[in-house]
């Protein structure tokens, strides 16, 4: 098994890409490739715009019944799937209204809320949007702009994909005996299904896992078995610093400061994303990056069984296990 400081140096010599294929979102289209065959969302958004225009007309001409009908049509339309990507619902944060809260309102309150929003929308947006022209592409742009919210467990999927490529198998078992005895290269994810087995394995291997006690009993992302060695992996995907991100960086660094009595129990801090590249800069003389880098090297020196890696370092480590 390779020296942990050499693995870290390998990571620093093979930096993170700015675009990582593992984090590409599905990019599914909400709009039709052929405008002649509009999707249901395109139809609903067109109906929504038409209802807003109708509301403006009947308000001007004092037709109360038609005004209520227009409000009903708008209220119905904004309950459609993915309509939150429309120009109209995208405007709601401007007037401090949440679509999720709106959905929970009773019908009468929804109508009142819609009327208030439409009034402001007619004042600030609708006329100018009509001047430039509404476009279904806005729906797709809105979805793409929020693609970061689809990340979910992409990081864990990346770890699993890399393990699969290196010959490890996902352990589809609920029992400790099966996990320990059947196969030398396997792993589990500490998700809902794997959480129970993970806790049992901690007991079976006599792992204290004190880091978890300091993190409100947080479980790591993946547990790997290679012969009689156990690797506990915590993964973070970081692109920039600041606020909560700094806390997460320090949290993942702290993992490798812990050690078990059994030297065959390893902690792996896996940090990918371009934030990792900051550790490679040669001109760092002070600040948090220098402190973080020094802590990583200090903990690796104290605990030779632990590892701090990026994508290249993790690949080198697991490929080297044979």
Protein backbone atom coordinates (compact mmCIF):
# COMPACT_ATOMS: atom_id res chain seq x y z
CA UNK A 1 0.00 0.00 0.00
CA UNK A 2 1.47 3.34 -1.07
CA UNK A 3 2.71 5.99 1.35
CA UNK A 4 -0.09 8.43 2.17
CA UNK A 5 2.07 11.54 1.70
CA UNK A 6 3.13 10.31 -1.73
CA UNK A 7 -0.52 9.78 -2.63
CA UNK A 8 -1.23 13.35 -1.54
CA UNK A 9 1.70 14.62 -3.64
CA UNK A 10 0.33 12.65 -6.60
CA UNK A 11 -3.02 14.39 -6.08
CA UNK A 12 -1.31 17.78 -6.07
CA UNK A 13 0.51 16.92 -9.29
CA UNK A 14 -2.74 15.86 -11.01
CA UNK A 15 -5.23 18.62 -10.37
CA UNK A 16 -9.00 18.68 -10.66
CA UNK A 17 -10.59 19.59 -14.02
CA UNK A 18 -12.87 22.59 -14.27
CA UNK A 19 -15.48 20.37 -15.93
CA UNK A 20 -15.87 16.92 -14.39
CA UNK A 21 -18.03 14.50 -16.40
CA UNK A 22 -19.16 12.82 -13.19
CA UNK A 23 -21.06 16.00 -12.27
CA UNK A 24 -22.79 16.59 -15.57
CA UNK A 25 -26.52 16.80 -14.95
CA UNK A 26 -29.09 15.00 -17.06
CA UNK A 27 -29.91 18.15 -19.02
CA UNK A 28 -33.32 16.78 -20.01
CA UNK A 29 -35.29 19.06 -22.30
CA UNK A 30 -38.50 20.60 -21.00
CA UNK A 31 -39.26 22.07 -24.40
CA UNK A 32 -39.78 20.34 -27.72
CA UNK A 33 -37.08 20.21 -30.37
CA UNK A 34 -39.83 20.82 -32.90
CA UNK A 35 -41.93 23.92 -32.07
CA UNK A 36 -44.80 22.36 -34.01
CA UNK A 37 -45.09 19.64 -31.36
CA UNK A 38 -45.05 21.56 -28.05
CA UNK A 39 -44.67 19.75 -24.74
CA UNK A 40 -47.40 19.87 -22.12
CA UNK A 41 -45.36 22.43 -20.17
CA UNK A 42 -45.09 24.67 -23.23
CA UNK A 43 -48.86 24.47 -23.69
CA UNK A 44 -49.52 25.30 -20.03
CA UNK A 45 -47.14 28.24 -20.09
CA UNK A 46 -48.79 29.60 -23.23
CA UNK A 47 -52.17 29.26 -21.51
CA UNK A 48 -50.75 31.02 -18.44
CA UNK A 49 -49.51 33.98 -20.49
CA UNK A 50 -52.85 34.14 -22.29
CA UNK A 51 -54.72 34.16 -18.95
CA UNK A 52 -52.52 36.98 -17.62
CA UNK A 53 -53.17 38.99 -20.77
CA UNK A 54 -56.91 38.28 -20.42
CA UNK A 55 -56.82 39.44 -16.78
CA UNK A 56 -55.25 42.73 -17.86
CA UNK A 57 -57.94 43.23 -20.51
CA UNK A 58 -60.98 42.43 -18.33
CA UNK A 59 -59.60 44.49 -15.44
CA UNK A 60 -59.44 47.48 -17.75
CA UNK A 61 -62.99 46.93 -18.98
CA UNK A 62 -64.53 46.17 -15.59
CA UNK A 63 -65.83 42.64 -16.23
CA UNK A 64 -65.76 41.15 -12.74
CA UNK A 65 -66.91 37.67 -13.74
CA UNK A 66 -64.33 37.38 -16.51
CA UNK A 67 -61.67 38.69 -14.12
CA UNK A 68 -62.41 35.85 -11.69
CA UNK A 69 -62.30 33.36 -14.55
CA UNK A 70 -58.85 34.67 -15.53
CA UNK A 71 -57.61 34.36 -11.94
CA UNK A 72 -58.92 30.80 -11.79
CA UNK A 73 -57.11 29.96 -15.02
CA UNK A 74 -53.84 31.47 -13.75
CA UNK A 75 -54.19 29.67 -10.41
CA UNK A 76 -54.76 26.36 -12.16
CA UNK A 77 -51.81 26.88 -14.52
CA UNK A 78 -49.28 27.67 -11.79
CA UNK A 79 -49.97 24.27 -10.22
CA UNK A 80 -48.65 22.51 -13.33
CA UNK A 81 -45.48 20.42 -13.13
CA UNK A 82 -42.31 22.46 -13.80
CA UNK A 83 -44.27 25.70 -14.25
CA UNK A 84 -41.91 27.21 -11.64
CA UNK A 85 -39.47 27.68 -14.56
CA UNK A 86 -41.87 30.07 -16.30
CA UNK A 87 -41.36 33.83 -16.53
CA UNK A 88 -44.36 34.44 -14.30
CA UNK A 89 -43.42 32.14 -11.41
CA UNK A 90 -39.75 33.14 -11.72
CA UNK A 91 -41.00 36.65 -10.87
CA UNK A 92 -42.47 35.58 -7.54
CA UNK A 93 -39.31 36.04 -5.44
CA UNK A 94 -39.40 39.72 -6.46
CA UNK A 95 -42.63 40.07 -4.47
CA UNK A 96 -41.38 37.71 -1.74
CA UNK A 97 -43.75 34.83 -2.50
CA UNK A 98 -42.69 31.18 -2.41
CA UNK A 99 -44.25 28.74 -4.86
CA UNK A 100 -43.97 25.92 -2.32
CA UNK A 101 -45.86 27.93 0.30
CA UNK A 102 -48.47 28.92 -2.31
CA UNK A 103 -49.20 25.27 -3.09
CA UNK A 104 -50.04 24.63 0.58
CA UNK A 105 -52.63 27.45 0.74
CA UNK A 106 -56.38 26.83 0.50
CA UNK A 107 -58.02 27.78 -2.76
CA UNK A 108 -59.45 31.15 -1.67
CA UNK A 109 -56.07 32.26 -0.34
CA UNK A 110 -54.41 31.10 -3.56
CA UNK A 111 -56.78 33.25 -5.61
CA UNK A 112 -56.09 36.28 -3.42
CA UNK A 113 -52.34 35.70 -3.62
CA UNK A 114 -52.42 35.26 -7.39
CA UNK A 115 -54.36 38.50 -7.80
CA UNK A 116 -51.74 40.39 -5.77
CA UNK A 117 -48.86 38.86 -7.74
CA UNK A 118 -50.50 39.45 -11.13
CA UNK A 119 -51.07 43.11 -10.30
CA UNK A 120 -47.34 43.56 -9.66
CA UNK A 121 -46.40 41.42 -12.64
CA UNK A 122 -48.52 43.59 -14.94
CA UNK A 123 -46.84 46.67 -13.48
CA UNK A 124 -43.22 45.48 -13.67
CA UNK A 125 -42.84 42.68 -16.24
CA UNK A 126 -45.70 41.62 -18.51
CA UNK A 127 -45.80 44.65 -20.87
CA UNK A 128 -42.05 44.59 -21.51
CA UNK A 129 -42.04 40.81 -21.96
CA UNK A 130 -44.79 41.21 -24.56
CA UNK A 131 -42.69 43.88 -26.30
CA UNK A 132 -39.68 41.58 -26.59
CA UNK A 133 -41.74 38.45 -27.01
CA UNK A 134 -42.25 35.52 -24.66
CA UNK A 135 -40.26 32.42 -25.59
CA UNK A 136 -40.49 28.75 -24.50
CA UNK A 137 -36.68 28.76 -24.25
CA UNK A 138 -37.10 30.61 -20.94
CA UNK A 139 -38.49 27.38 -19.47
CA UNK A 140 -35.33 25.50 -20.42
CA UNK A 141 -33.04 28.31 -19.27
CA UNK A 142 -34.82 28.33 -15.91
CA UNK A 143 -34.31 24.61 -15.49
CA UNK A 144 -30.65 24.72 -16.53
CA UNK A 145 -29.96 27.60 -14.14
CA UNK A 146 -31.10 25.42 -11.23
CA UNK A 147 -29.23 22.30 -12.32
CA UNK A 148 -26.96 22.59 -9.26
CA UNK A 149 -29.93 21.54 -7.13
CA UNK A 150 -29.96 18.18 -8.92
CA UNK A 151 -26.49 17.23 -7.63
CA UNK A 152 -27.87 15.03 -4.88
CA UNK A 153 -25.58 12.03 -4.44
CA UNK A 154 -23.52 12.55 -7.59
CA UNK A 155 -20.35 12.55 -5.47
CA UNK A 156 -21.15 9.15 -3.97
CA UNK A 157 -22.05 7.87 -7.43
CA UNK A 158 -18.64 9.04 -8.63
CA UNK A 159 -16.88 7.15 -5.82
CA UNK A 160 -18.92 4.03 -6.62
CA UNK A 161 -18.20 4.32 -10.36
CA UNK A 162 -14.46 4.63 -9.71
CA UNK A 163 -14.55 1.61 -7.39
CA UNK A 164 -16.47 -0.41 -9.98
CA UNK A 165 -13.91 0.50 -12.62
CA UNK A 166 -11.14 -0.70 -10.31
CA UNK A 167 -12.74 -4.11 -9.82
CA UNK A 168 -14.63 -3.55 -6.58
CA UNK A 169 -18.21 -4.79 -6.24
CA UNK A 170 -21.14 -3.20 -4.49
CA UNK A 171 -22.02 -5.53 -1.61
CA UNK A 172 -25.67 -6.38 -2.00
CA UNK A 173 -26.11 -7.89 1.44
CA UNK A 174 -27.62 -7.04 4.82
CA UNK A 175 -25.46 -9.37 6.89
CA UNK A 176 -22.05 -8.78 8.42
CA UNK A 177 -20.94 -12.37 7.81
CA UNK A 178 -21.61 -12.16 4.08
CA UNK A 179 -19.81 -8.83 3.79
CA UNK A 180 -16.75 -10.06 5.64
CA UNK A 181 -16.47 -13.56 4.15
CA UNK A 182 -17.64 -13.25 0.55
CA UNK A 183 -15.13 -11.41 -1.65
CA UNK A 184 -12.01 -9.34 -1.03
CA UNK A 185 -12.94 -6.19 -3.00
CA UNK A 186 -16.31 -4.74 -2.08
CA UNK A 187 -17.97 -1.62 -0.75
CA UNK A 188 -21.21 -0.27 0.65
CA UNK A 189 -22.71 3.20 0.60
CA UNK A 190 -23.95 4.61 3.89
CA UNK A 191 -27.33 5.48 2.41
CA UNK A 192 -30.69 4.41 3.80
CA UNK A 193 -30.11 0.83 2.76
CA UNK A 194 -26.48 0.61 3.84
CA UNK A 195 -26.73 2.59 7.08
CA UNK A 196 -27.75 -0.36 9.23
CA UNK A 197 -25.03 -2.65 7.86
CA UNK A 198 -22.44 0.11 8.20
CA UNK A 199 -23.17 0.45 11.91
CA UNK A 200 -22.99 -3.33 12.35
CA UNK A 201 -19.62 -3.39 10.59
CA UNK A 202 -18.25 -0.75 12.94
CA UNK A 203 -19.07 -3.06 15.84
CA UNK A 204 -17.78 -6.17 14.07
CA UNK A 205 -14.42 -4.56 13.29
CA UNK A 206 -14.18 -2.75 16.63
CA UNK A 207 -14.10 0.67 14.97
CA UNK A 208 -14.72 3.56 17.37
CA UNK A 209 -15.28 6.14 14.61
CA UNK A 210 -14.92 9.05 17.02
CA UNK A 211 -15.11 11.60 14.19
CA UNK A 212 -18.81 10.80 13.92
CA UNK A 213 -19.39 11.73 17.57
CA UNK A 214 -18.17 15.25 16.85
CA UNK A 215 -20.40 15.52 13.75
CA UNK A 216 -23.77 14.68 15.34
CA UNK A 217 -23.40 10.95 14.56
CA UNK A 218 -22.88 11.70 10.87
CA UNK A 219 -22.09 8.67 8.74
CA UNK A 220 -19.45 8.82 5.99
CA UNK A 221 -20.28 8.19 2.35
CA UNK A 222 -18.68 4.84 1.60
CA UNK A 223 -17.07 1.90 3.39
CA UNK A 224 -14.62 -0.18 1.35
CA UNK A 225 -13.27 -3.64 2.14
CA UNK A 226 -10.02 -4.85 0.61
CA UNK A 227 -9.02 -8.22 2.03
CA UNK A 228 -8.64 -7.53 5.76
CA UNK A 229 -8.39 -3.75 5.34
CA UNK A 230 -11.30 -1.34 5.82
CA UNK A 231 -11.39 2.13 4.26
CA UNK A 232 -13.95 4.67 5.48
CA UNK A 233 -14.48 7.40 2.89
CA UNK A 234 -15.90 10.88 3.33
CA UNK A 235 -16.33 12.75 0.04
CA UNK A 236 -16.80 16.46 -0.64
CA UNK A 237 -17.16 18.29 -3.94
CA UNK A 238 -15.99 21.87 -3.45
CA UNK A 239 -15.48 24.65 -5.98
CA UNK A 240 -15.06 27.73 -3.83
CA UNK A 241 -14.58 28.87 -0.27
CA UNK A 242 -16.61 31.00 2.10
CA UNK A 243 -19.18 30.52 4.83
CA UNK A 244 -20.45 26.96 5.13
CA UNK A 245 -17.93 25.72 2.57
CA UNK A 246 -15.03 26.54 4.88
CA UNK A 247 -16.69 24.53 7.63
CA UNK A 248 -17.08 21.56 5.28
CA UNK A 249 -13.43 21.73 4.23
CA UNK A 250 -12.26 21.74 7.83
CA UNK A 251 -14.67 18.91 8.59
CA UNK A 252 -13.27 16.64 5.88
CA UNK A 253 -9.69 17.49 6.87
CA UNK A 254 -10.45 16.60 10.48
CA UNK A 255 -11.42 13.04 9.47
CA UNK A 256 -7.79 12.05 8.85
CA UNK A 257 -6.78 13.34 12.30
CA UNK A 258 -8.46 10.27 13.82
CA UNK A 259 -6.97 6.81 14.04
CA UNK A 260 -8.04 3.38 15.17
CA UNK A 261 -6.01 0.92 17.22
CA UNK A 262 -6.13 -1.46 14.27
CA UNK A 263 -3.74 -0.06 11.63
CA UNK A 264 -5.77 -1.81 8.91
CA UNK A 265 -8.62 0.64 9.46
CA UNK A 266 -8.13 3.63 7.18
CA UNK A 267 -9.85 7.00 6.87
CA UNK A 268 -9.96 8.60 3.44
CA UNK A 269 -10.84 12.25 2.92
CA UNK A 270 -11.76 12.56 -0.76
CA UNK A 271 -11.97 16.20 -1.88
CA UNK A 272 -12.70 16.90 -5.54
CA UNK A 273 -13.64 20.08 -7.36
CA UNK A 274 -11.32 22.97 -8.19
CA UNK A 275 -11.01 24.06 -4.54
CA UNK A 276 -8.51 21.21 -4.13
CA UNK A 277 -6.23 22.89 -6.68
CA UNK A 278 -5.59 25.76 -4.26
CA UNK A 279 -3.42 23.41 -2.19
CA UNK A 280 -1.00 23.10 -5.11
CA UNK A 281 -0.06 26.78 -5.21
CA UNK A 282 3.59 27.32 -4.34
CA UNK A 283 3.28 30.95 -3.30
CA UNK A 284 0.90 30.50 -0.35
CA UNK A 285 2.48 32.31 2.60
CA UNK A 286 -0.46 32.77 4.95
CA UNK A 287 -4.23 32.46 5.30
CA UNK A 288 -6.67 29.60 5.60
CA UNK A 289 -5.41 27.67 2.54
CA UNK A 290 -1.93 27.48 4.06
CA UNK A 291 -3.39 26.42 7.41
CA UNK A 292 -5.54 23.76 5.79
CA UNK A 293 -2.64 22.44 3.71
CA UNK A 294 -0.37 22.29 6.75
CA UNK A 295 -3.04 20.46 8.75
CA UNK A 296 -3.48 17.88 5.99
CA UNK A 297 0.25 17.14 5.92
CA UNK A 298 0.44 17.10 9.72
CA UNK A 299 -2.41 14.61 10.10
CA UNK A 300 -1.06 12.40 7.31
CA UNK A 301 2.31 12.34 9.06
CA UNK A 302 0.68 11.45 12.37
CA UNK A 303 -1.58 8.77 10.84
CA UNK A 304 0.21 6.93 8.00
CA UNK A 305 -2.81 4.64 7.53
CA UNK A 306 -5.05 7.57 6.47
CA UNK A 307 -5.28 9.36 3.12
CA UNK A 308 -6.22 12.76 1.75
CA UNK A 309 -6.91 12.54 -1.99
CA UNK A 310 -8.47 14.17 -5.00
CA UNK A 311 -9.77 12.24 -8.02
CA UNK A 312 -6.33 11.25 -9.29
CA UNK A 313 -5.14 10.32 -5.80
CA UNK A 314 -8.19 8.17 -5.10
CA UNK A 315 -7.76 6.36 -8.41
CA UNK A 316 -4.07 5.70 -7.71
CA UNK A 317 -4.90 4.44 -4.22
CA UNK A 318 -7.66 1.99 -5.20
CA UNK A 319 -5.89 0.84 -8.37
CA UNK A 320 -2.83 0.10 -6.27
CA UNK A 321 -4.79 -2.26 -4.05
CA UNK A 322 -4.60 -4.89 -6.75
